[in-house]
C-alpha cells in the first residue's frame, strides 16, 4: 500500500489564491454549486494551525459542502469496477458471484512419508509452513501440538505481505509468543520462492499450510485436511490422542460434509460474495448450520460425543475467529458466537486444552484480516479486540465436562 511522501506534508499554512486568480473551470464549478469560496481556513484556536493539503484543497473547492454529485458518481463507479476486478483475483467466483475456493494442487500426503516402527525415518525431512491468521493453517498447528510432534516436525511462520502474499520476517523471536519469523528450512524471503524451488517450478497460488520435503525440495501437501490426517496417523512418533478413531471415521466424515461448506468455507462465501444473491445464500446456510450445531452441542460435549476429533479441530479454528473477524469484516452479523451458549462454551472447552491456546495469536489474526484484505477494508483500520475473544474470557469455566459425565452415567446405569 502506497504511503504519502513526507515532503507532501508541510508545517506551513498553504497560501490561497484570490477568486480572480482561480482557473476558469474552478470558478465555473463554484458558481454552479452556489457555495462561497473561503480564502482561508476558519480561525479555530482549538485546532492545529496547519492543515493537510488534501483538506485544504477540498475546502478551497467546495467549502464545507459535499463534493458535487458528478464527482461522487464517477468515484463510486470507478471504485466499484476496481473492487470487482480485485475481488475476482482475490476470491474466484462463479457466474452468480458466489465464492469458489480453489482446490490445493497437492491434496494428500504420499504414502512414502507415512512412518511406522519399521520406517521411523520417513518423516525426518519434513518441514511445515503456516500463517497465523489462516484458519486452515491453524488446524495443523493444533494437531501438531495435540499429537506431541513439536520435536519431530519443525515449522516456519509467515505473515501476510502488503500484496497479500506470505512473507517471512528476519527479526529474532523469543519463543514465548507464536509470531512470524524467518524461513528456517530454505532461508527464503517469501513462500512463493519456496514453492518455486520444486522441480518443474510452480505458477499456482502459494498457500498455507504447506508441508515441504527439505531433502527432495518438493511440496508434499498443501491441503489442510490432508496434512492433519497425516499428522494424526502418519507419524510413528506421535503420542497424543487419536483424533480419527476407526469406529468414528464415518461420523467424522459426515460432520466434515456439514461443517466445511456451510461454516469453514461458509464465512468466506459471505465475506467474498460478489453479489447480493450469493451473500444471502451463504449467510442463511451459515446461520442455519450454526443453529443446528448449537442444538447438537447442548447434549454432546464434542461433535462425535465424548471424543475430540479432527472435525472439532476444523470447527474450532473458524469459531475462534468468528466474533474476532468474521462477524464484522465478513458481514456474518446475524448473531455472534457468544450469543450461542453451547457453541461459545464448546469453543472455550477446546481453547483450554493443553497447548491449544499457545497456537492462537489474536493480534496476528486481526492484523492478517483487517490490514491485509484491502478490498474489504480499504482504510486498513483494525477495530479493537472484543472482550469475549480475550484470554480472560476464553479461560472462564466452560462446564462442558458435565456432558461427558452424564454420558458415562447413562452407559453404566442398569437397563
Protein backbone atom coordinates (compact mmCIF):
# COMPACT_ATOMS: atom_id res chain seq x y z
CA UNK A 1 0.00 0.00 0.00
CA UNK A 2 1.50 3.34 -1.01
CA UNK A 3 2.25 5.94 1.61
CA UNK A 4 2.38 9.69 1.28
CA UNK A 5 5.83 11.15 0.73
CA UNK A 6 6.85 13.13 3.78
CA UNK A 7 7.64 16.16 1.61
CA UNK A 8 3.97 16.27 0.62
CA UNK A 9 3.02 17.32 4.15
CA UNK A 10 4.15 20.76 5.22
CA UNK A 11 4.07 22.54 8.56
CA UNK A 12 3.40 25.84 6.82
CA UNK A 13 -0.03 27.26 6.07
CA UNK A 14 -0.84 26.91 2.39
CA UNK A 15 -1.40 30.22 0.55
CA UNK A 16 -4.82 30.54 -1.04
CA UNK A 17 -5.31 32.30 -4.37
CA UNK A 18 -7.79 35.13 -4.77
CA UNK A 19 -11.04 34.46 -6.66
CA UNK A 20 -9.79 36.33 -9.71
CA UNK A 21 -6.72 34.15 -9.92
CA UNK A 22 -8.59 30.86 -9.81
CA UNK A 23 -8.60 28.79 -13.03
CA UNK A 24 -11.75 29.33 -15.09
CA UNK A 25 -13.06 25.77 -14.62
CA UNK A 26 -12.79 26.18 -10.82
CA UNK A 27 -14.70 29.47 -10.93
CA UNK A 28 -17.42 27.85 -13.05
CA UNK A 29 -17.68 24.90 -10.69
CA UNK A 30 -18.06 27.23 -7.72
CA UNK A 31 -20.82 29.22 -9.40
CA UNK A 32 -22.75 26.01 -10.18
CA UNK A 33 -22.54 24.92 -6.54
CA UNK A 34 -23.51 28.40 -5.28
CA UNK A 35 -21.04 27.94 -2.44
CA UNK A 36 -19.00 30.97 -1.41
CA UNK A 37 -15.23 30.49 -1.70
CA UNK A 38 -13.30 30.72 1.56
CA UNK A 39 -9.91 32.34 1.21
CA UNK A 40 -8.55 30.88 4.45
CA UNK A 41 -9.31 28.20 6.95
CA UNK A 42 -11.65 29.29 9.75
CA UNK A 43 -9.94 30.58 12.83
CA UNK A 44 -10.13 27.86 15.43
CA UNK A 45 -7.91 28.31 18.41
CA UNK A 46 -8.51 24.71 19.50
CA UNK A 47 -7.25 23.17 16.23
CA UNK A 48 -3.81 22.78 14.76
CA UNK A 49 -2.70 25.85 12.86
CA UNK A 50 -1.68 23.80 9.84
CA UNK A 51 -3.98 21.65 7.69
CA UNK A 52 -3.06 18.77 5.46
CA UNK A 53 -3.07 19.62 1.73
CA UNK A 54 -5.99 17.33 0.87
CA UNK A 55 -8.24 19.03 3.43
CA UNK A 56 -7.07 22.45 2.26
CA UNK A 57 -7.81 21.61 -1.36
CA UNK A 58 -11.30 20.25 -0.64
CA UNK A 59 -12.10 23.34 1.46
CA UNK A 60 -10.91 25.51 -1.41
CA UNK A 61 -13.03 23.71 -3.98
CA UNK A 62 -16.24 23.04 -2.08
CA UNK A 63 -16.03 24.82 1.25
CA UNK A 64 -17.89 22.70 3.78
CA UNK A 65 -20.38 21.37 1.24
CA UNK A 66 -20.35 17.83 -0.12
CA UNK A 67 -18.43 17.20 -3.35
CA UNK A 68 -20.54 17.63 -6.49
CA UNK A 69 -22.76 14.71 -7.49
CA UNK A 70 -20.93 14.02 -10.80
CA UNK A 71 -17.67 13.55 -8.90
CA UNK A 72 -19.31 11.26 -6.33
CA UNK A 73 -20.87 9.16 -9.12
CA UNK A 74 -17.58 8.94 -11.03
CA UNK A 75 -15.61 7.87 -7.95
CA UNK A 76 -18.27 5.35 -6.96
CA UNK A 77 -18.33 3.77 -10.42
CA UNK A 78 -14.54 3.63 -10.59
CA UNK A 79 -14.26 2.14 -7.12
CA UNK A 80 -16.98 -0.47 -7.81
CA UNK A 81 -15.27 -1.59 -11.01
CA UNK A 82 -11.86 -1.72 -9.33
CA UNK A 83 -13.28 -3.58 -6.32
CA UNK A 84 -14.89 -6.20 -8.55
CA UNK A 85 -11.65 -6.63 -10.52
CA UNK A 86 -9.61 -7.13 -7.34
CA UNK A 87 -12.17 -9.48 -5.79
CA UNK A 88 -12.24 -11.66 -8.90
CA UNK A 89 -8.50 -12.15 -8.47
CA UNK A 90 -8.53 -12.45 -4.68
CA UNK A 91 -11.61 -14.66 -4.46
CA UNK A 92 -12.54 -16.57 -7.63
CA UNK A 93 -16.30 -16.72 -8.05
CA UNK A 94 -18.99 -18.41 -10.06
CA UNK A 95 -21.19 -16.60 -12.58
CA UNK A 96 -23.63 -15.81 -9.75
CA UNK A 97 -20.95 -14.08 -7.69
CA UNK A 98 -20.51 -16.94 -5.20
CA UNK A 99 -17.00 -17.52 -3.89
CA UNK A 100 -15.42 -20.76 -5.08
CA UNK A 101 -12.33 -21.82 -3.15
CA UNK A 102 -9.58 -23.13 -5.46
CA UNK A 103 -8.55 -26.69 -4.52
CA UNK A 104 -5.00 -27.38 -3.42
CA UNK A 105 -2.81 -28.95 -6.10
CA UNK A 106 -1.18 -31.28 -3.56
CA UNK A 107 -4.19 -32.64 -1.73
CA UNK A 108 -2.78 -35.60 0.19
CA UNK A 109 0.50 -36.83 1.63
CA UNK A 110 2.05 -39.63 -0.45
CA UNK A 111 2.34 -42.97 1.29
CA UNK A 112 6.14 -42.93 1.21
CA UNK A 113 6.10 -40.34 4.01
CA UNK A 114 3.99 -42.40 6.39
CA UNK A 115 6.33 -43.65 9.09
CA UNK A 116 5.99 -46.80 11.13
CA UNK A 117 8.14 -48.73 13.60
CA UNK A 118 9.75 -50.31 10.54
CA UNK A 119 10.31 -46.96 8.72
CA UNK A 120 10.78 -44.42 11.53
CA UNK A 121 12.82 -42.00 9.40
CA UNK A 122 10.19 -41.44 6.69
CA UNK A 123 9.19 -38.07 8.20
CA UNK A 124 12.66 -36.75 9.07
CA UNK A 125 12.91 -34.41 6.09
CA UNK A 126 9.53 -32.69 6.52
CA UNK A 127 9.01 -29.02 7.34
CA UNK A 128 5.67 -27.28 7.93
CA UNK A 129 4.87 -23.77 6.69
CA UNK A 130 2.00 -21.88 8.35
CA UNK A 131 0.50 -18.41 8.69
CA UNK A 132 -1.11 -17.34 11.96
CA UNK A 133 -4.20 -15.56 10.58
CA UNK A 134 -5.16 -18.56 8.43
CA UNK A 135 -7.73 -20.95 9.98
CA UNK A 136 -6.65 -23.75 7.63
CA UNK A 137 -3.03 -23.46 8.79
CA UNK A 138 -4.18 -23.17 12.40
CA UNK A 139 -5.62 -26.69 12.14
CA UNK A 140 -2.15 -28.09 11.52
CA UNK A 141 -0.61 -26.25 14.48
CA UNK A 142 -3.28 -27.61 16.82
CA UNK A 143 -2.96 -31.22 15.66
CA UNK A 144 0.84 -30.95 15.78
CA UNK A 145 0.55 -29.81 19.40
CA UNK A 146 -2.09 -32.34 20.45
CA UNK A 147 -0.05 -35.18 18.95
CA UNK A 148 3.13 -34.01 20.73
CA UNK A 149 5.04 -33.63 17.47
CA UNK A 150 6.91 -30.44 18.36
CA UNK A 151 10.28 -32.23 18.44
CA UNK A 152 9.59 -34.16 15.25
CA UNK A 153 8.13 -31.58 12.85
CA UNK A 154 9.84 -28.15 12.62
CA UNK A 155 7.85 -25.28 11.20
CA UNK A 156 8.19 -21.71 9.91
CA UNK A 157 5.63 -18.94 10.35
CA UNK A 158 4.95 -16.49 7.51
CA UNK A 159 2.94 -13.27 7.69
CA UNK A 160 0.72 -11.60 5.08
CA UNK A 161 2.60 -9.07 2.99
CA UNK A 162 1.25 -5.81 1.59
CA UNK A 163 0.40 -7.57 -1.68
CA UNK A 164 -1.36 -10.45 0.07
CA UNK A 165 1.49 -12.96 -0.35
CA UNK A 166 3.08 -14.80 2.57
CA UNK A 167 6.38 -13.28 3.69
CA UNK A 168 8.97 -14.21 6.28
CA UNK A 169 10.36 -11.84 8.90
CA UNK A 170 14.04 -11.67 9.74
CA UNK A 171 13.77 -10.34 13.30
CA UNK A 172 14.55 -12.54 16.30
CA UNK A 173 11.74 -14.16 18.29
CA UNK A 174 11.86 -15.05 21.97
CA UNK A 175 9.67 -18.13 21.58
CA UNK A 176 7.20 -17.11 24.28
CA UNK A 177 4.59 -15.97 21.74
CA UNK A 178 3.95 -17.55 18.37
CA UNK A 179 4.85 -14.89 15.79
CA UNK A 180 6.06 -14.68 12.20
CA UNK A 181 9.77 -15.28 11.76
CA UNK A 182 12.37 -16.41 9.23
CA UNK A 183 12.19 -19.33 6.83
CA UNK A 184 14.03 -21.91 8.91
CA UNK A 185 14.22 -24.51 6.15
CA UNK A 186 15.20 -22.59 3.00
CA UNK A 187 16.09 -19.04 4.11
CA UNK A 188 13.74 -17.52 1.53
CA UNK A 189 12.08 -14.10 1.73
CA UNK A 190 8.58 -15.30 0.92
CA UNK A 191 6.62 -18.52 0.45
CA UNK A 192 6.34 -18.01 -3.29
CA UNK A 193 10.09 -18.51 -3.57
CA UNK A 194 9.82 -21.78 -1.62
CA UNK A 195 7.11 -23.14 -3.90
CA UNK A 196 9.18 -22.27 -6.96
CA UNK A 197 12.09 -24.33 -5.67
CA UNK A 198 10.28 -27.55 -6.52
CA UNK A 199 11.34 -29.44 -9.62
CA UNK A 200 9.38 -28.21 -12.59
CA UNK A 201 8.66 -24.88 -10.93
CA UNK A 202 5.29 -23.63 -9.77
CA UNK A 203 2.90 -20.94 -11.00
CA UNK A 204 -0.13 -21.56 -8.76
CA UNK A 205 -1.16 -19.89 -5.52
CA UNK A 206 1.44 -20.08 -2.77
CA UNK A 207 -0.83 -21.02 0.11
CA UNK A 208 -0.51 -22.15 3.71
CA UNK A 209 -0.43 -24.62 5.27
CA UNK A 210 2.21 -26.38 3.22
CA UNK A 211 4.20 -29.48 4.07
CA UNK A 212 7.64 -29.39 2.45
CA UNK A 213 10.29 -32.05 1.85
CA UNK A 214 13.60 -30.36 2.66
CA UNK A 215 15.79 -33.04 1.03
CA UNK A 216 13.80 -33.54 -2.16
CA UNK A 217 12.90 -29.84 -2.50
CA UNK A 218 9.29 -30.77 -3.10
CA UNK A 219 5.82 -29.75 -1.97
CA UNK A 220 4.39 -32.75 -0.12
CA UNK A 221 0.89 -31.41 0.60
CA UNK A 222 -0.84 -28.02 0.73
CA UNK A 223 -4.36 -29.13 1.64
CA UNK A 224 -5.05 -28.62 5.34
CA UNK A 225 -7.19 -31.69 5.89
CA UNK A 226 -4.70 -33.92 4.12
CA UNK A 227 -1.99 -32.58 6.43
CA UNK A 228 -3.90 -33.02 9.68
CA UNK A 229 -4.93 -36.55 8.72
CA UNK A 230 -1.27 -37.30 8.15
CA UNK A 231 -0.17 -35.65 11.42
CA UNK A 232 -2.74 -37.72 13.29
CA UNK A 233 -1.73 -41.10 11.88
CA UNK A 234 1.39 -40.75 9.72
CA UNK A 235 3.97 -40.10 12.44
CA UNK A 236 5.21 -43.11 14.35
CA UNK A 237 6.48 -40.65 16.98
CA UNK A 238 3.03 -39.18 17.61
CA UNK A 239 1.91 -39.86 21.16
CA UNK A 240 -1.25 -37.82 21.58
CA UNK A 241 -4.88 -38.90 21.32
CA UNK A 242 -6.19 -40.48 18.14
CA UNK A 243 -8.27 -37.72 16.55
CA UNK A 244 -9.75 -40.01 13.92
CA UNK A 245 -10.57 -43.40 15.52
CA UNK A 246 -11.61 -46.13 13.12
CA UNK A 247 -15.04 -46.54 14.74
CA UNK A 248 -15.79 -42.83 14.30
CA UNK A 249 -14.48 -42.21 10.80
CA UNK A 250 -17.88 -42.42 9.17
CA UNK A 251 -19.34 -39.93 11.65
CA UNK A 252 -16.33 -37.64 11.30
CA UNK A 253 -16.74 -37.59 7.54
CA UNK A 254 -20.45 -36.78 7.86
CA UNK A 255 -19.65 -33.83 10.13
CA UNK A 256 -16.97 -32.63 7.74
CA UNK A 257 -19.54 -32.60 4.94
CA UNK A 258 -21.71 -30.33 7.10
CA UNK A 259 -19.06 -28.04 8.55
CA UNK A 260 -16.81 -27.37 5.58
CA UNK A 261 -19.26 -25.89 3.02
CA UNK A 262 -21.53 -24.05 5.43
CA UNK A 263 -19.17 -22.89 8.21
CA UNK A 264 -15.44 -23.22 7.40
CA UNK A 265 -15.88 -22.07 3.83
CA UNK A 266 -19.25 -20.51 4.59
CA UNK A 267 -17.79 -17.45 6.33
CA UNK A 268 -15.59 -16.85 3.28
CA UNK A 269 -18.57 -17.26 0.99
CA UNK A 270 -20.20 -14.44 2.98
CA UNK A 271 -17.16 -12.18 3.05
CA UNK A 272 -16.10 -12.76 -0.55
CA UNK A 273 -19.58 -12.76 -2.09
CA UNK A 274 -19.72 -10.58 -5.19
CA UNK A 275 -23.48 -10.30 -5.45
CA UNK A 276 -26.34 -9.85 -3.00
CA UNK A 277 -27.83 -13.18 -4.05
CA UNK A 278 -24.58 -15.01 -3.33
CA UNK A 279 -24.25 -13.36 0.08
CA UNK A 280 -27.87 -14.09 1.07
CA UNK A 281 -27.48 -17.76 0.18
CA UNK A 282 -24.20 -18.12 2.07
CA UNK A 283 -25.27 -16.26 5.20
CA UNK A 284 -28.52 -18.21 5.51
CA UNK A 285 -26.69 -21.54 5.17
CA UNK A 286 -24.11 -20.42 7.72
CA UNK A 287 -26.53 -19.49 10.46
CA UNK A 288 -28.87 -22.40 9.79
CA UNK A 289 -25.89 -24.69 10.35
CA UNK A 290 -24.75 -22.82 13.46
CA UNK A 291 -28.25 -23.23 14.89
CA UNK A 292 -28.05 -26.99 14.26
CA UNK A 293 -24.62 -27.19 15.87
CA UNK A 294 -25.85 -25.25 18.89
CA UNK A 295 -28.66 -27.77 19.35
CA UNK A 296 -26.38 -30.79 18.87
CA UNK A 297 -23.79 -29.48 21.34
CA UNK A 298 -26.44 -29.00 24.01
CA UNK A 299 -26.29 -32.76 24.65
CA UNK A 300 -22.85 -33.68 23.28
CA UNK A 301 -19.53 -32.42 24.56
CA UNK A 302 -17.93 -32.73 21.11
CA UNK A 303 -19.32 -33.36 17.65
CA UNK A 304 -18.84 -37.13 17.96
CA UNK A 305 -19.85 -37.44 21.60
CA UNK A 306 -17.12 -37.60 24.25
CA UNK A 307 -14.22 -37.89 21.81
CA UNK A 308 -12.38 -34.89 20.38
CA UNK A 309 -11.86 -35.48 16.66
CA UNK A 310 -10.42 -33.79 13.58
CA UNK A 311 -13.91 -32.40 12.90
CA UNK A 312 -13.80 -30.49 16.19
CA UNK A 313 -10.40 -29.05 15.30
CA UNK A 314 -11.76 -27.88 11.94
CA UNK A 315 -14.79 -26.26 13.55
CA UNK A 316 -12.78 -24.64 16.34
CA UNK A 317 -10.45 -22.67 14.07
CA UNK A 318 -13.47 -20.97 12.48
CA UNK A 319 -15.35 -20.37 15.75
CA UNK A 320 -12.33 -18.81 17.47
CA UNK A 321 -12.14 -16.22 14.64
CA UNK A 322 -15.86 -15.61 14.33
CA UNK A 323 -16.52 -12.77 16.76
CA UNK A 324 -12.95 -11.54 16.26
CA UNK A 325 -13.13 -11.11 12.48
CA UNK A 326 -15.94 -12.79 10.54
CA UNK A 327 -18.84 -11.17 12.37
CA UNK A 328 -17.67 -7.71 11.27
CA UNK A 329 -15.37 -7.96 8.26
CA UNK A 330 -17.19 -10.83 6.53
CA UNK A 331 -20.67 -9.49 7.36
CA UNK A 332 -21.66 -12.58 9.38
CA UNK A 333 -23.75 -10.29 11.53
CA UNK A 334 -26.94 -12.17 12.35
CA UNK A 335 -25.52 -13.48 15.63
CA UNK A 336 -22.18 -13.70 17.40
CA UNK A 337 -20.78 -16.93 18.78
CA UNK A 338 -21.12 -15.59 22.31
CA UNK A 339 -24.88 -15.48 21.64
CA UNK A 340 -24.79 -19.27 21.23
CA UNK A 341 -24.25 -20.56 24.80
CA UNK A 342 -23.25 -24.07 23.77
CA UNK A 343 -21.03 -23.06 20.86
CA UNK A 344 -19.21 -20.48 22.95
CA UNK A 345 -18.67 -22.91 25.83
CA UNK A 346 -17.52 -25.55 23.31
CA UNK A 347 -15.01 -23.07 21.91
CA UNK A 348 -13.68 -22.34 25.40
CA UNK A 349 -13.50 -26.08 26.15
CA UNK A 350 -11.14 -26.69 23.23
CA UNK A 351 -9.22 -23.45 23.79
CA UNK A 352 -8.43 -24.55 27.35
CA UNK A 353 -6.98 -27.90 26.31
CA UNK A 354 -3.23 -28.13 26.95
CA UNK A 355 -1.15 -26.31 24.29
CA UNK A 356 -4.14 -25.14 22.20
CA UNK A 357 -4.16 -21.55 23.50
CA UNK A 358 -0.47 -21.22 22.59
CA UNK A 359 -1.38 -21.73 18.92
CA UNK A 360 -3.72 -18.70 18.99
CA UNK A 361 -2.26 -15.24 18.32
CA UNK A 362 -5.30 -12.97 18.19
CA UNK A 363 -3.30 -9.84 17.36
CA UNK A 364 -1.82 -11.57 14.32
CA UNK A 365 -5.23 -12.88 13.30
CA UNK A 366 -6.79 -9.41 13.38
CA UNK A 367 -3.86 -7.83 11.54
CA UNK A 368 -3.95 -10.56 8.93
CA UNK A 369 -7.57 -9.84 8.05
CA UNK A 370 -8.21 -6.16 8.72
CA UNK A 371 -4.87 -4.85 7.44
CA UNK A 372 -4.35 -7.22 4.54
CA UNK A 373 -7.73 -7.75 2.84
CA UNK A 374 -7.68 -4.32 1.22
CA UNK A 375 -10.86 -4.74 -0.88
CA UNK A 376 -12.87 -5.49 2.28
CA UNK A 377 -11.26 -2.84 4.47
CA UNK A 378 -9.63 -0.15 2.30
CA UNK A 379 -8.73 2.09 5.24
CA UNK A 380 -6.79 -0.69 6.96
CA UNK A 381 -8.21 0.35 10.33
CA UNK A 382 -8.28 -2.52 12.80
CA UNK A 383 -11.12 -2.47 15.34
CA UNK A 384 -10.49 -3.10 19.00
CA UNK A 385 -10.47 -6.71 20.10
CA UNK A 386 -13.81 -7.85 21.58
CA UNK A 387 -13.65 -8.69 25.27
CA UNK A 388 -15.18 -12.12 24.65
CA UNK A 389 -12.19 -13.01 22.45
CA UNK A 390 -9.55 -12.19 25.01
CA UNK A 391 -7.68 -14.72 27.12
CA UNK A 392 -9.51 -13.83 30.33
CA UNK A 393 -12.93 -14.51 28.80
CA UNK A 394 -11.89 -17.65 26.95
CA UNK A 395 -10.33 -19.05 30.15
CA UNK A 396 -13.54 -18.92 32.16
CA UNK A 397 -15.00 -22.31 33.20
CA UNK A 398 -16.94 -23.91 30.36
CA UNK A 399 -18.81 -26.56 32.37
CA UNK A 400 -18.97 -28.98 29.45
CA UNK A 401 -17.35 -31.85 31.34
CA UNK A 402 -20.82 -32.42 32.82
CA UNK A 403 -21.98 -33.69 29.41
CA UNK A 404 -19.29 -36.38 29.44
CA UNK A 405 -20.18 -37.39 32.99
CA UNK A 406 -23.86 -37.71 32.09
CA UNK A 407 -22.96 -39.84 29.09
CA UNK A 408 -20.85 -42.19 31.20
CA UNK A 409 -23.57 -42.46 33.84
CA UNK A 410 -26.11 -43.45 31.20
CA UNK A 411 -23.76 -46.11 29.87
CA UNK A 412 -23.23 -47.55 33.36
CA UNK A 413 -26.85 -47.44 34.52
CA UNK A 414 -28.75 -50.79 34.53
CA UNK A 415 -31.13 -51.32 31.64
